[in-house]
Amino acid sequence: MITDDWQPKEEDIEWTREHLGRMQVGDTWSVADSMLRKDEDNTLTVIHATPASLLPLERISKVCKEVGYDFNAEEAQIVHDPQAAAQAAAEEWTSPNTGIPLVNFDLENAEWMLIDEGEEAWRVTIRHHDESDTDEVVLSPMDYHLLAGDELFFTWDGMQVLERHEIIELADEGSIMRSLEDNTVVIMPTVWKEKTVPPHLRGLIFKTNRDEEE
């Protein structure tokens, strides 16, 4: 791995310590076009990286030393399309309980859980039902995104977020305000129908009658 003269400041160390402390074993962290995983025994493992991410990863390794984490990049895969690589890897994930591939779970009806309101820490529970039992697996939001894709990740209460071209059409028609007034579109607030909304959805525009139109 390449090196430079950069040294972490105290704020870099404290931020990283807090961030790693919020992660559960097995959680992934996407940063600088690379993906890292928190493993047992305070180890941060690089799953894959791009050539452009090598310098940022070298700096992360320096911070890890300051917070008491081992930084393992020995088996990192160098890729040129990190998103595609991460999604391909997610297709191979299986349940630790039953070995069932997670892509076969009911991803559409995932349950979002706010586990730490102060830190906005979230988890996503997915389930697989069969005749005799229900298997539950808890994921980080990033892992759920990789597994479920954009369409489900940007869905809330059965509504999908409007795409950019759809918002432009409403703007060109001059109908955004009317649509807000008659509740055919909604700008997602922090709380929707008494449920706290995940941060990545807040402020996005959803069409409330999409299913009726289709």
N, C-alpha and C. Protein backbone atom coordinates (compact mmCIF):
# COMPACT_ATOMS: atom_id res chain seq x y z
N MET A 1 0.85 -1.20 0.00
CA MET A 1 0.00 0.00 0.00
C MET A 1 0.88 1.25 0.00
N ILE A 2 0.47 2.26 -0.76
CA ILE A 2 1.26 3.47 -0.84
C ILE A 2 1.20 4.23 0.47
N THR A 3 2.16 5.10 0.69
CA THR A 3 2.22 5.84 1.94
C THR A 3 2.37 7.33 1.66
N ASP A 4 2.05 8.14 2.67
CA ASP A 4 2.32 9.58 2.59
C ASP A 4 2.64 10.06 4.00
N ASP A 5 2.84 11.35 4.15
CA ASP A 5 3.27 11.90 5.43
C ASP A 5 2.10 12.32 6.32
N TRP A 6 0.87 12.06 5.88
CA TRP A 6 -0.30 12.49 6.64
C TRP A 6 -0.37 11.78 7.99
N GLN A 7 -0.74 12.52 9.02
CA GLN A 7 -0.94 11.96 10.34
C GLN A 7 -2.31 12.40 10.86
N PRO A 8 -3.05 11.52 11.53
CA PRO A 8 -4.40 11.87 11.97
C PRO A 8 -4.40 12.91 13.08
N LYS A 9 -5.40 13.80 13.02
CA LYS A 9 -5.61 14.76 14.09
C LYS A 9 -6.52 14.14 15.15
N GLU A 10 -6.63 14.82 16.27
CA GLU A 10 -7.43 14.27 17.37
C GLU A 10 -8.89 14.09 16.95
N GLU A 11 -9.42 15.03 16.14
CA GLU A 11 -10.81 14.89 15.71
C GLU A 11 -11.00 13.70 14.78
N ASP A 12 -9.97 13.38 13.96
CA ASP A 12 -10.04 12.19 13.11
C ASP A 12 -10.11 10.92 13.96
N ILE A 13 -9.32 10.90 15.00
CA ILE A 13 -9.25 9.74 15.88
C ILE A 13 -10.57 9.54 16.62
N GLU A 14 -11.12 10.64 17.18
CA GLU A 14 -12.34 10.53 17.95
C GLU A 14 -13.53 10.15 17.07
N TRP A 15 -13.59 10.75 15.86
CA TRP A 15 -14.69 10.41 14.95
C TRP A 15 -14.65 8.94 14.57
N THR A 16 -13.46 8.44 14.25
CA THR A 16 -13.32 7.04 13.86
C THR A 16 -13.64 6.11 15.02
N ARG A 17 -13.19 6.46 16.22
CA ARG A 17 -13.49 5.63 17.39
C ARG A 17 -15.00 5.53 17.60
N GLU A 18 -15.70 6.64 17.48
CA GLU A 18 -17.15 6.63 17.67
C GLU A 18 -17.85 5.86 16.55
N HIS A 19 -17.38 6.06 15.32
CA HIS A 19 -18.00 5.38 14.19
C HIS A 19 -17.84 3.86 14.30
N LEU A 20 -16.65 3.41 14.59
CA LEU A 20 -16.42 1.97 14.72
C LEU A 20 -17.16 1.41 15.93
N GLY A 21 -17.30 2.22 16.97
CA GLY A 21 -18.02 1.77 18.15
C GLY A 21 -19.50 1.53 17.87
N ARG A 22 -20.07 2.28 16.92
CA ARG A 22 -21.48 2.10 16.58
C ARG A 22 -21.71 0.90 15.68
N MET A 23 -20.66 0.45 14.98
CA MET A 23 -20.78 -0.67 14.07
C MET A 23 -20.84 -1.99 14.84
N GLN A 24 -21.68 -2.90 14.35
CA GLN A 24 -21.72 -4.25 14.89
C GLN A 24 -20.75 -5.13 14.10
N VAL A 25 -20.32 -6.23 14.70
CA VAL A 25 -19.46 -7.17 13.97
C VAL A 25 -20.21 -7.67 12.74
N GLY A 26 -19.55 -7.57 11.59
CA GLY A 26 -20.16 -7.95 10.33
C GLY A 26 -20.69 -6.77 9.53
N ASP A 27 -20.87 -5.60 10.17
CA ASP A 27 -21.30 -4.40 9.45
C ASP A 27 -20.22 -3.96 8.47
N THR A 28 -20.65 -3.35 7.38
CA THR A 28 -19.71 -2.84 6.39
C THR A 28 -19.71 -1.32 6.40
N TRP A 29 -18.62 -0.78 5.91
CA TRP A 29 -18.41 0.67 5.86
C TRP A 29 -17.88 1.00 4.48
N SER A 30 -18.66 1.75 3.71
CA SER A 30 -18.25 2.16 2.37
C SER A 30 -17.60 3.54 2.46
N VAL A 31 -16.37 3.64 2.01
CA VAL A 31 -15.65 4.90 2.09
C VAL A 31 -14.61 4.94 0.98
N ALA A 32 -14.52 6.08 0.30
CA ALA A 32 -13.50 6.32 -0.73
C ALA A 32 -13.47 5.20 -1.76
N ASP A 33 -14.64 4.81 -2.28
CA ASP A 33 -14.75 3.76 -3.31
C ASP A 33 -14.21 2.42 -2.83
N SER A 34 -14.25 2.18 -1.54
CA SER A 34 -13.83 0.89 -1.02
C SER A 34 -14.88 0.42 -0.02
N MET A 35 -14.82 -0.85 0.33
CA MET A 35 -15.72 -1.39 1.34
C MET A 35 -14.91 -2.10 2.41
N LEU A 36 -15.20 -1.74 3.67
CA LEU A 36 -14.52 -2.34 4.80
C LEU A 36 -15.55 -3.04 5.68
N ARG A 37 -15.10 -4.05 6.40
CA ARG A 37 -16.00 -4.82 7.27
C ARG A 37 -15.40 -4.90 8.67
N LYS A 38 -16.26 -4.70 9.67
CA LYS A 38 -15.82 -4.85 11.05
C LYS A 38 -15.90 -6.32 11.42
N ASP A 39 -14.75 -6.88 11.80
CA ASP A 39 -14.69 -8.29 12.18
C ASP A 39 -14.44 -8.42 13.67
N GLU A 40 -14.38 -9.67 14.12
CA GLU A 40 -14.11 -9.94 15.53
C GLU A 40 -12.75 -9.38 15.94
N ASP A 41 -12.58 -9.25 17.27
CA ASP A 41 -11.28 -8.85 17.84
C ASP A 41 -10.78 -7.50 17.33
N ASN A 42 -11.73 -6.55 17.17
CA ASN A 42 -11.35 -5.19 16.76
C ASN A 42 -10.50 -5.18 15.50
N THR A 43 -11.02 -5.81 14.46
CA THR A 43 -10.33 -5.84 13.17
C THR A 43 -11.20 -5.17 12.11
N LEU A 44 -10.59 -4.32 11.31
CA LEU A 44 -11.26 -3.71 10.17
C LEU A 44 -10.64 -4.29 8.91
N THR A 45 -11.45 -5.00 8.13
CA THR A 45 -10.96 -5.73 6.96
C THR A 45 -11.41 -5.05 5.69
N VAL A 46 -10.49 -4.84 4.77
CA VAL A 46 -10.82 -4.27 3.47
C VAL A 46 -11.32 -5.40 2.56
N ILE A 47 -12.58 -5.29 2.11
CA ILE A 47 -13.16 -6.31 1.23
C ILE A 47 -12.75 -6.04 -0.21
N HIS A 48 -12.97 -4.82 -0.65
CA HIS A 48 -12.52 -4.45 -2.00
C HIS A 48 -12.17 -2.97 -2.02
N ALA A 49 -11.37 -2.59 -3.00
CA ALA A 49 -10.91 -1.21 -3.12
C ALA A 49 -10.62 -0.92 -4.58
N THR A 50 -10.57 0.35 -4.92
CA THR A 50 -10.17 0.77 -6.25
C THR A 50 -8.76 1.38 -6.16
N PRO A 51 -8.07 1.51 -7.28
CA PRO A 51 -6.75 2.15 -7.23
C PRO A 51 -6.78 3.53 -6.59
N ALA A 52 -7.87 4.28 -6.83
CA ALA A 52 -7.96 5.63 -6.28
C ALA A 52 -8.18 5.64 -4.77
N SER A 53 -8.60 4.51 -4.21
CA SER A 53 -8.90 4.48 -2.77
C SER A 53 -7.70 4.06 -1.92
N LEU A 54 -6.58 3.72 -2.54
CA LEU A 54 -5.45 3.20 -1.77
C LEU A 54 -4.88 4.23 -0.80
N LEU A 55 -4.77 5.48 -1.23
CA LEU A 55 -4.24 6.50 -0.33
C LEU A 55 -5.19 6.77 0.84
N PRO A 56 -6.51 6.97 0.60
CA PRO A 56 -7.41 7.13 1.75
C PRO A 56 -7.37 5.93 2.70
N LEU A 57 -7.24 4.73 2.16
CA LEU A 57 -7.19 3.55 3.02
C LEU A 57 -5.92 3.53 3.86
N GLU A 58 -4.82 4.00 3.29
CA GLU A 58 -3.59 4.10 4.07
C GLU A 58 -3.79 5.04 5.25
N ARG A 59 -4.51 6.12 5.04
CA ARG A 59 -4.77 7.06 6.13
C ARG A 59 -5.71 6.45 7.17
N ILE A 60 -6.72 5.69 6.72
CA ILE A 60 -7.61 5.02 7.65
C ILE A 60 -6.82 4.02 8.50
N SER A 61 -5.85 3.35 7.89
CA SER A 61 -5.05 2.38 8.64
C SER A 61 -4.27 3.07 9.76
N LYS A 62 -3.83 4.30 9.52
CA LYS A 62 -3.12 5.05 10.55
C LYS A 62 -4.04 5.39 11.72
N VAL A 63 -5.29 5.76 11.39
CA VAL A 63 -6.24 6.08 12.45
C VAL A 63 -6.59 4.82 13.23
N CYS A 64 -6.70 3.69 12.54
CA CYS A 64 -7.02 2.44 13.22
C CYS A 64 -5.98 2.11 14.29
N LYS A 65 -4.74 2.37 14.00
CA LYS A 65 -3.70 2.11 15.00
C LYS A 65 -3.93 2.94 16.25
N GLU A 66 -4.41 4.17 16.07
CA GLU A 66 -4.63 5.07 17.20
C GLU A 66 -5.82 4.65 18.05
N VAL A 67 -6.78 3.94 17.44
CA VAL A 67 -7.99 3.56 18.20
C VAL A 67 -7.97 2.08 18.59
N GLY A 68 -6.85 1.41 18.37
CA GLY A 68 -6.72 0.03 18.82
C GLY A 68 -7.35 -1.00 17.91
N TYR A 69 -7.44 -0.71 16.61
CA TYR A 69 -7.98 -1.65 15.65
C TYR A 69 -6.88 -2.18 14.74
N ASP A 70 -6.95 -3.47 14.43
CA ASP A 70 -6.09 -4.03 13.40
C ASP A 70 -6.69 -3.73 12.04
N PHE A 71 -5.86 -3.34 11.09
CA PHE A 71 -6.32 -3.00 9.75
C PHE A 71 -5.80 -4.08 8.80
N ASN A 72 -6.73 -4.84 8.22
CA ASN A 72 -6.37 -5.98 7.39
C ASN A 72 -6.73 -5.71 5.93
N ALA A 73 -5.70 -5.52 5.11
CA ALA A 73 -5.92 -5.30 3.68
C ALA A 73 -5.25 -6.37 2.83
N GLU A 74 -4.86 -7.46 3.46
CA GLU A 74 -4.09 -8.48 2.75
C GLU A 74 -4.88 -9.17 1.65
N GLU A 75 -6.19 -9.36 1.86
CA GLU A 75 -6.99 -10.10 0.89
C GLU A 75 -7.94 -9.19 0.12
N ALA A 76 -7.68 -7.90 0.15
CA ALA A 76 -8.57 -6.95 -0.53
C ALA A 76 -8.54 -7.18 -2.04
N GLN A 77 -9.70 -7.11 -2.64
CA GLN A 77 -9.82 -7.24 -4.09
C GLN A 77 -9.82 -5.85 -4.72
N ILE A 78 -8.96 -5.64 -5.71
CA ILE A 78 -8.92 -4.37 -6.42
C ILE A 78 -9.91 -4.44 -7.57
N VAL A 79 -10.89 -3.53 -7.54
CA VAL A 79 -11.94 -3.54 -8.56
C VAL A 79 -12.04 -2.16 -9.20
N HIS A 80 -12.65 -2.12 -10.37
CA HIS A 80 -12.82 -0.84 -11.06
C HIS A 80 -14.26 -0.34 -11.01
N ASP A 81 -15.18 -1.20 -10.57
CA ASP A 81 -16.58 -0.80 -10.38
C ASP A 81 -17.01 -1.29 -9.00
N PRO A 82 -16.73 -0.52 -7.94
CA PRO A 82 -16.99 -1.00 -6.59
C PRO A 82 -18.45 -1.28 -6.29
N GLN A 83 -19.35 -0.49 -6.85
CA GLN A 83 -20.77 -0.72 -6.60
C GLN A 83 -21.21 -2.06 -7.16
N ALA A 84 -20.79 -2.36 -8.39
CA ALA A 84 -21.15 -3.63 -9.00
C ALA A 84 -20.53 -4.80 -8.22
N ALA A 85 -19.31 -4.62 -7.76
CA ALA A 85 -18.65 -5.67 -6.99
C ALA A 85 -19.37 -5.93 -5.68
N ALA A 86 -19.79 -4.85 -5.01
CA ALA A 86 -20.49 -5.00 -3.74
C ALA A 86 -21.84 -5.68 -3.93
N GLN A 87 -22.54 -5.31 -5.00
CA GLN A 87 -23.84 -5.92 -5.26
C GLN A 87 -23.69 -7.40 -5.61
N ALA A 88 -22.65 -7.73 -6.37
CA ALA A 88 -22.40 -9.13 -6.70
C ALA A 88 -22.09 -9.94 -5.45
N ALA A 89 -21.32 -9.34 -4.54
CA ALA A 89 -21.00 -10.03 -3.29
C ALA A 89 -22.26 -10.25 -2.45
N ALA A 90 -23.16 -9.26 -2.45
CA ALA A 90 -24.39 -9.37 -1.66
C ALA A 90 -25.26 -10.52 -2.14
N GLU A 91 -25.20 -10.83 -3.42
CA GLU A 91 -26.00 -11.92 -3.96
C GLU A 91 -25.57 -13.28 -3.40
N GLU A 92 -24.38 -13.33 -2.83
CA GLU A 92 -23.86 -14.59 -2.28
C GLU A 92 -24.12 -14.71 -0.77
N TRP A 93 -24.65 -13.66 -0.15
CA TRP A 93 -24.86 -13.70 1.30
C TRP A 93 -25.94 -14.72 1.64
N THR A 94 -25.74 -15.44 2.75
CA THR A 94 -26.71 -16.42 3.22
C THR A 94 -27.04 -16.16 4.69
N SER A 95 -28.16 -16.69 5.13
CA SER A 95 -28.56 -16.54 6.52
C SER A 95 -27.63 -17.35 7.42
N PRO A 96 -27.14 -16.75 8.50
CA PRO A 96 -26.32 -17.51 9.45
C PRO A 96 -27.13 -18.55 10.20
N ASN A 97 -28.46 -18.44 10.15
CA ASN A 97 -29.33 -19.37 10.87
C ASN A 97 -29.67 -20.62 10.05
N THR A 98 -29.95 -20.41 8.77
CA THR A 98 -30.46 -21.51 7.95
C THR A 98 -29.66 -21.75 6.68
N GLY A 99 -28.79 -20.81 6.30
CA GLY A 99 -28.05 -20.95 5.05
C GLY A 99 -28.83 -20.54 3.83
N ILE A 100 -30.06 -20.05 4.01
CA ILE A 100 -30.87 -19.60 2.87
C ILE A 100 -30.29 -18.32 2.30
N PRO A 101 -30.14 -18.20 0.98
CA PRO A 101 -29.64 -16.95 0.39
C PRO A 101 -30.52 -15.78 0.77
N LEU A 102 -29.89 -14.67 1.15
CA LEU A 102 -30.67 -13.51 1.58
C LEU A 102 -31.49 -12.90 0.45
N VAL A 103 -31.08 -13.13 -0.80
CA VAL A 103 -31.87 -12.61 -1.93
C VAL A 103 -33.23 -13.29 -2.00
N ASN A 104 -33.38 -14.43 -1.33
CA ASN A 104 -34.67 -15.14 -1.32
C ASN A 104 -35.57 -14.70 -0.18
N PHE A 105 -35.09 -13.78 0.66
CA PHE A 105 -35.91 -13.28 1.75
C PHE A 105 -36.95 -12.29 1.22
N ASP A 106 -37.91 -11.94 2.08
CA ASP A 106 -38.94 -10.96 1.73
C ASP A 106 -38.36 -9.56 1.89
N LEU A 107 -37.64 -9.12 0.87
CA LEU A 107 -36.96 -7.83 0.94
C LEU A 107 -37.94 -6.66 0.85
N GLU A 108 -39.06 -6.88 0.20
CA GLU A 108 -40.04 -5.81 0.01
C GLU A 108 -40.66 -5.36 1.32
N ASN A 109 -40.81 -6.29 2.26
CA ASN A 109 -41.46 -5.98 3.54
C ASN A 109 -40.45 -5.92 4.67
N ALA A 110 -39.29 -5.38 4.39
CA ALA A 110 -38.26 -5.22 5.43
C ALA A 110 -38.74 -4.25 6.51
N GLU A 111 -38.27 -4.48 7.73
CA GLU A 111 -38.66 -3.64 8.87
C GLU A 111 -37.47 -2.76 9.29
N TRP A 112 -37.66 -1.45 9.20
CA TRP A 112 -36.62 -0.51 9.61
C TRP A 112 -36.75 -0.23 11.10
N MET A 113 -35.63 -0.28 11.81
CA MET A 113 -35.64 -0.09 13.26
C MET A 113 -34.62 0.98 13.65
N LEU A 114 -35.08 1.99 14.36
CA LEU A 114 -34.20 3.03 14.90
C LEU A 114 -33.71 2.54 16.26
N ILE A 115 -32.44 2.13 16.33
CA ILE A 115 -31.94 1.52 17.56
C ILE A 115 -31.24 2.53 18.46
N ASP A 116 -30.90 3.70 17.93
CA ASP A 116 -30.29 4.74 18.75
C ASP A 116 -30.72 6.08 18.18
N GLU A 117 -31.71 6.70 18.82
CA GLU A 117 -32.27 7.95 18.30
C GLU A 117 -31.26 9.07 18.28
N GLY A 118 -30.40 9.14 19.30
CA GLY A 118 -29.43 10.22 19.36
C GLY A 118 -28.39 10.14 18.26
N GLU A 119 -27.97 8.93 17.93
CA GLU A 119 -26.95 8.73 16.92
C GLU A 119 -27.53 8.43 15.54
N GLU A 120 -28.88 8.37 15.43
CA GLU A 120 -29.55 8.00 14.18
C GLU A 120 -28.99 6.67 13.66
N ALA A 121 -28.85 5.71 14.55
CA ALA A 121 -28.36 4.38 14.17
C ALA A 121 -29.56 3.50 13.82
N TRP A 122 -29.51 2.90 12.64
CA TRP A 122 -30.62 2.10 12.14
C TRP A 122 -30.18 0.68 11.83
N ARG A 123 -31.14 -0.25 11.88
CA ARG A 123 -30.97 -1.61 11.42
C ARG A 123 -32.21 -1.99 10.61
N VAL A 124 -32.04 -2.97 9.72
CA VAL A 124 -33.14 -3.42 8.87
C VAL A 124 -33.31 -4.92 9.06
N THR A 125 -34.50 -5.34 9.45
CA THR A 125 -34.79 -6.77 9.63
C THR A 125 -35.50 -7.30 8.39
N ILE A 126 -34.95 -8.38 7.84
CA ILE A 126 -35.61 -9.06 6.71
C ILE A 126 -35.98 -10.46 7.18
N ARG A 127 -37.02 -11.03 6.57
CA ARG A 127 -37.54 -12.31 7.01
C ARG A 127 -37.78 -13.26 5.84
N HIS A 128 -37.64 -14.54 6.15
CA HIS A 128 -37.96 -15.60 5.19
C HIS A 128 -38.96 -16.53 5.86
N HIS A 129 -40.12 -16.70 5.23
CA HIS A 129 -41.18 -17.52 5.81
C HIS A 129 -41.28 -18.84 5.06
N ASP A 130 -41.41 -19.93 5.78
CA ASP A 130 -41.78 -21.20 5.16
C ASP A 130 -42.89 -21.82 5.99
N GLU A 131 -43.24 -23.06 5.69
CA GLU A 131 -44.40 -23.68 6.34
C GLU A 131 -44.19 -23.89 7.83
N SER A 132 -42.93 -24.04 8.26
CA SER A 132 -42.69 -24.41 9.65
C SER A 132 -42.06 -23.31 10.50
N ASP A 133 -41.44 -22.31 9.87
CA ASP A 133 -40.67 -21.36 10.68
C ASP A 133 -40.48 -20.06 9.92
N THR A 134 -40.00 -19.05 10.65
CA THR A 134 -39.64 -17.76 10.07
C THR A 134 -38.20 -17.45 10.45
N ASP A 135 -37.39 -17.19 9.47
CA ASP A 135 -35.98 -16.85 9.69
C ASP A 135 -35.84 -15.34 9.61
N GLU A 136 -35.18 -14.72 10.60
CA GLU A 136 -34.97 -13.28 10.62
C GLU A 136 -33.47 -12.98 10.58
N VAL A 137 -33.10 -12.00 9.78
CA VAL A 137 -31.72 -11.54 9.70
C VAL A 137 -31.72 -10.01 9.80
N VAL A 138 -30.84 -9.47 10.62
CA VAL A 138 -30.73 -8.02 10.81
C VAL A 138 -29.53 -7.51 10.04
N LEU A 139 -29.76 -6.47 9.23
CA LEU A 139 -28.73 -5.90 8.37
C LEU A 139 -28.50 -4.43 8.71
N SER A 140 -27.34 -3.93 8.34
CA SER A 140 -27.13 -2.49 8.35
C SER A 140 -27.87 -1.90 7.14
N PRO A 141 -28.23 -0.60 7.17
CA PRO A 141 -28.89 0.00 6.01
C PRO A 141 -28.09 -0.14 4.72
N MET A 142 -26.76 0.01 4.80
CA MET A 142 -25.94 -0.11 3.60
C MET A 142 -26.03 -1.51 3.01
N ASP A 143 -25.99 -2.54 3.88
CA ASP A 143 -26.07 -3.91 3.39
C ASP A 143 -27.44 -4.19 2.78
N TYR A 144 -28.50 -3.63 3.40
CA TYR A 144 -29.83 -3.81 2.82
C TYR A 144 -29.91 -3.16 1.44
N HIS A 145 -29.31 -1.99 1.29
CA HIS A 145 -29.30 -1.30 0.01
C HIS A 145 -28.63 -2.15 -1.06
N LEU A 146 -27.48 -2.73 -0.73
CA LEU A 146 -26.78 -3.58 -1.68
C LEU A 146 -27.62 -4.79 -2.07
N LEU A 147 -28.31 -5.35 -1.09
CA LEU A 147 -29.08 -6.57 -1.31
C LEU A 147 -30.38 -6.29 -2.06
N ALA A 148 -31.07 -5.23 -1.68
CA ALA A 148 -32.41 -4.98 -2.20
C ALA A 148 -32.43 -4.09 -3.44
N GLY A 149 -31.40 -3.26 -3.62
CA GLY A 149 -31.37 -2.35 -4.76
C GLY A 149 -32.03 -1.01 -4.48
N ASP A 150 -31.89 -0.10 -5.42
CA ASP A 150 -32.38 1.27 -5.25
C ASP A 150 -33.89 1.34 -5.08
N GLU A 151 -34.62 0.55 -5.85
CA GLU A 151 -36.08 0.68 -5.85
C GLU A 151 -36.67 0.45 -4.45
N LEU A 152 -36.25 -0.63 -3.80
CA LEU A 152 -36.77 -0.92 -2.46
C LEU A 152 -36.14 -0.02 -1.41
N PHE A 153 -34.87 0.34 -1.59
CA PHE A 153 -34.21 1.20 -0.61
C PHE A 153 -34.87 2.57 -0.54
N PHE A 154 -35.41 3.03 -1.67
CA PHE A 154 -36.07 4.34 -1.72
C PHE A 154 -37.60 4.19 -1.78
N THR A 155 -38.11 3.21 -1.05
CA THR A 155 -39.55 3.00 -0.91
C THR A 155 -39.93 3.15 0.56
N TRP A 156 -41.06 3.81 0.81
CA TRP A 156 -41.52 3.96 2.19
C TRP A 156 -43.04 3.92 2.23
N ASP A 157 -43.60 3.10 3.09
CA ASP A 157 -45.06 2.98 3.26
C ASP A 157 -45.73 2.67 1.92
N GLY A 158 -45.08 1.83 1.11
CA GLY A 158 -45.62 1.44 -0.18
C GLY A 158 -45.45 2.47 -1.28
N MET A 159 -44.81 3.59 -0.97
CA MET A 159 -44.62 4.65 -1.96
C MET A 159 -43.16 4.69 -2.41
N GLN A 160 -42.96 4.92 -3.69
CA GLN A 160 -41.62 5.05 -4.22
C GLN A 160 -41.29 6.52 -4.45
N VAL A 161 -40.03 6.85 -4.27
CA VAL A 161 -39.60 8.22 -4.47
C VAL A 161 -39.72 8.58 -5.95
N LEU A 162 -40.11 9.80 -6.22
CA LEU A 162 -40.17 10.27 -7.60
C LEU A 162 -38.76 10.41 -8.16
N GLU A 163 -38.60 9.99 -9.39
CA GLU A 163 -37.33 10.16 -10.06
C GLU A 163 -37.21 11.61 -10.57
N ARG A 164 -35.99 11.98 -10.90
CA ARG A 164 -35.71 13.37 -11.27
C ARG A 164 -36.57 13.82 -12.45
N HIS A 165 -36.72 12.96 -13.45
CA HIS A 165 -37.48 13.38 -14.63
C HIS A 165 -38.96 13.58 -14.30
N GLU A 166 -39.46 12.82 -13.29
CA GLU A 166 -40.85 12.99 -12.89
C GLU A 166 -41.06 14.31 -12.16
N ILE A 167 -40.08 14.68 -11.35
CA ILE A 167 -40.16 15.97 -10.65
C ILE A 167 -40.10 17.11 -11.64
N ILE A 168 -39.24 16.98 -12.66
CA ILE A 168 -39.14 18.02 -13.69
C ILE A 168 -40.46 18.18 -14.43
N GLU A 169 -41.13 17.05 -14.71
CA GLU A 169 -42.42 17.13 -15.39
C GLU A 169 -43.44 17.90 -14.56
N LEU A 170 -43.48 17.63 -13.25
CA LEU A 170 -44.39 18.38 -12.37
C LEU A 170 -44.04 19.86 -12.35
N ALA A 171 -42.72 20.14 -12.34
CA ALA A 171 -42.30 21.54 -12.32
C ALA A 171 -42.68 22.24 -13.62
N ASP A 172 -42.48 21.55 -14.74
CA ASP A 172 -42.81 22.14 -16.05
C ASP A 172 -44.31 22.38 -16.17
N GLU A 173 -45.10 21.49 -15.58
CA GLU A 173 -46.55 21.65 -15.63
C GLU A 173 -47.06 22.69 -14.63
N GLY A 174 -46.19 23.09 -13.70
CA GLY A 174 -46.60 24.03 -12.67
C GLY A 174 -47.57 23.43 -11.67
N SER A 175 -47.46 22.10 -11.47
CA SER A 175 -48.47 21.42 -10.64
C SER A 175 -47.92 20.92 -9.31
N ILE A 176 -46.70 21.30 -8.95
CA ILE A 176 -46.13 20.78 -7.71
C ILE A 176 -46.94 21.23 -6.50
N MET A 177 -47.26 22.52 -6.43
CA MET A 177 -47.99 23.03 -5.28
C MET A 177 -49.38 22.41 -5.20
N ARG A 178 -50.05 22.26 -6.32
CA ARG A 178 -51.38 21.65 -6.33
C ARG A 178 -51.30 20.19 -5.88
N SER A 179 -50.25 19.49 -6.33
CA SER A 179 -50.09 18.09 -5.94
C SER A 179 -49.82 17.95 -4.45
N LEU A 180 -49.09 18.91 -3.89
CA LEU A 180 -48.85 18.89 -2.45
C LEU A 180 -50.14 19.16 -1.68
N GLU A 181 -50.93 20.08 -2.20
CA GLU A 181 -52.17 20.45 -1.51
C GLU A 181 -53.18 19.32 -1.53
N ASP A 182 -53.27 18.58 -2.64
CA ASP A 182 -54.25 17.49 -2.70
C ASP A 182 -53.66 16.15 -2.29
N ASN A 183 -52.40 16.20 -1.75
CA ASN A 183 -51.75 15.01 -1.19
C ASN A 183 -51.48 13.90 -2.21
N THR A 184 -51.39 14.25 -3.48
CA THR A 184 -50.97 13.24 -4.46
C THR A 184 -49.46 13.09 -4.48
N VAL A 185 -48.75 14.08 -3.95
CA VAL A 185 -47.32 13.94 -3.69
C VAL A 185 -47.05 14.46 -2.29
N VAL A 186 -45.98 13.97 -1.68
CA VAL A 186 -45.62 14.40 -0.33
C VAL A 186 -44.11 14.54 -0.25
N ILE A 187 -43.66 15.62 0.39
CA ILE A 187 -42.24 15.74 0.72
C ILE A 187 -42.05 15.03 2.05
N MET A 188 -41.26 13.97 2.05
CA MET A 188 -41.19 13.10 3.22
C MET A 188 -40.62 13.83 4.42
N PRO A 189 -41.37 13.87 5.52
CA PRO A 189 -40.91 14.52 6.75
C PRO A 189 -40.10 13.54 7.61
N THR A 190 -39.72 13.98 8.78
CA THR A 190 -38.99 13.12 9.72
C THR A 190 -39.88 12.02 10.26
N VAL A 191 -41.17 12.34 10.48
CA VAL A 191 -42.12 11.35 10.98
C VAL A 191 -43.29 11.26 10.00
N TRP A 192 -43.60 10.05 9.55
CA TRP A 192 -44.70 9.83 8.61
C TRP A 192 -45.63 8.77 9.22
N LYS A 193 -46.87 9.14 9.45
CA LYS A 193 -47.87 8.25 10.03
C LYS A 193 -47.35 7.64 11.34
N GLU A 194 -46.82 8.49 12.19
CA GLU A 194 -46.35 8.14 13.53
C GLU A 194 -45.12 7.24 13.53
N LYS A 195 -44.45 7.10 12.40
CA LYS A 195 -43.23 6.32 12.34
C LYS A 195 -42.07 7.22 11.91
N THR A 196 -40.94 7.11 12.61
CA THR A 196 -39.75 7.87 12.23
C THR A 196 -39.21 7.34 10.91
N VAL A 197 -38.91 8.26 10.00
CA VAL A 197 -38.46 7.91 8.66
C VAL A 197 -36.93 7.88 8.62
N PRO A 198 -36.33 6.89 7.99
CA PRO A 198 -34.86 6.86 7.87
C PRO A 198 -34.32 8.13 7.21
N PRO A 199 -33.14 8.58 7.60
CA PRO A 199 -32.61 9.86 7.11
C PRO A 199 -32.48 9.95 5.60
N HIS A 200 -32.18 8.85 4.92
CA HIS A 200 -31.95 8.93 3.47
C HIS A 200 -33.23 9.21 2.69
N LEU A 201 -34.39 9.13 3.34
CA LEU A 201 -35.65 9.37 2.65
C LEU A 201 -36.24 10.75 2.95
N ARG A 202 -35.78 11.38 4.01
CA ARG A 202 -36.35 12.66 4.42
C ARG A 202 -36.04 13.74 3.38
N GLY A 203 -37.05 14.52 3.05
CA GLY A 203 -36.87 15.60 2.09
C GLY A 203 -37.06 15.18 0.66
N LEU A 204 -37.20 13.88 0.39
CA LEU A 204 -37.44 13.40 -0.97
C LEU A 204 -38.94 13.48 -1.27
N ILE A 205 -39.28 13.55 -2.54
CA ILE A 205 -40.67 13.69 -2.97
C ILE A 205 -41.21 12.32 -3.38
N PHE A 206 -42.34 11.93 -2.78
CA PHE A 206 -42.99 10.66 -3.07
C PHE A 206 -44.36 10.92 -3.68
N LYS A 207 -44.76 10.03 -4.58
CA LYS A 207 -46.09 10.12 -5.16
C LYS A 207 -47.00 9.14 -4.45
N THR A 208 -48.03 9.66 -3.80
CA THR A 208 -48.84 8.81 -2.91
C THR A 208 -49.82 7.93 -3.66
N ASN A 209 -50.15 8.27 -4.92
CA ASN A 209 -51.15 7.47 -5.64
C ASN A 209 -50.54 6.72 -6.81
N ARG A 210 -49.25 6.43 -6.74
CA ARG A 210 -48.57 5.76 -7.85
C ARG A 210 -49.23 4.42 -8.16
N ASP A 211 -49.55 3.62 -7.14
CA ASP A 211 -50.12 2.30 -7.37
C ASP A 211 -51.49 2.39 -8.04
N GLU A 212 -52.29 3.41 -7.66
CA GLU A 212 -53.61 3.56 -8.26
C GLU A 212 -53.50 3.89 -9.73
N GLU A 213 -52.51 4.72 -10.09
CA GLU A 213 -52.36 5.09 -11.48
C GLU A 213 -51.88 3.92 -12.31
N GLU A 214 -51.04 3.06 -11.69
CA GLU A 214 -50.50 1.93 -12.46
C GLU A 214 -51.53 0.81 -12.55
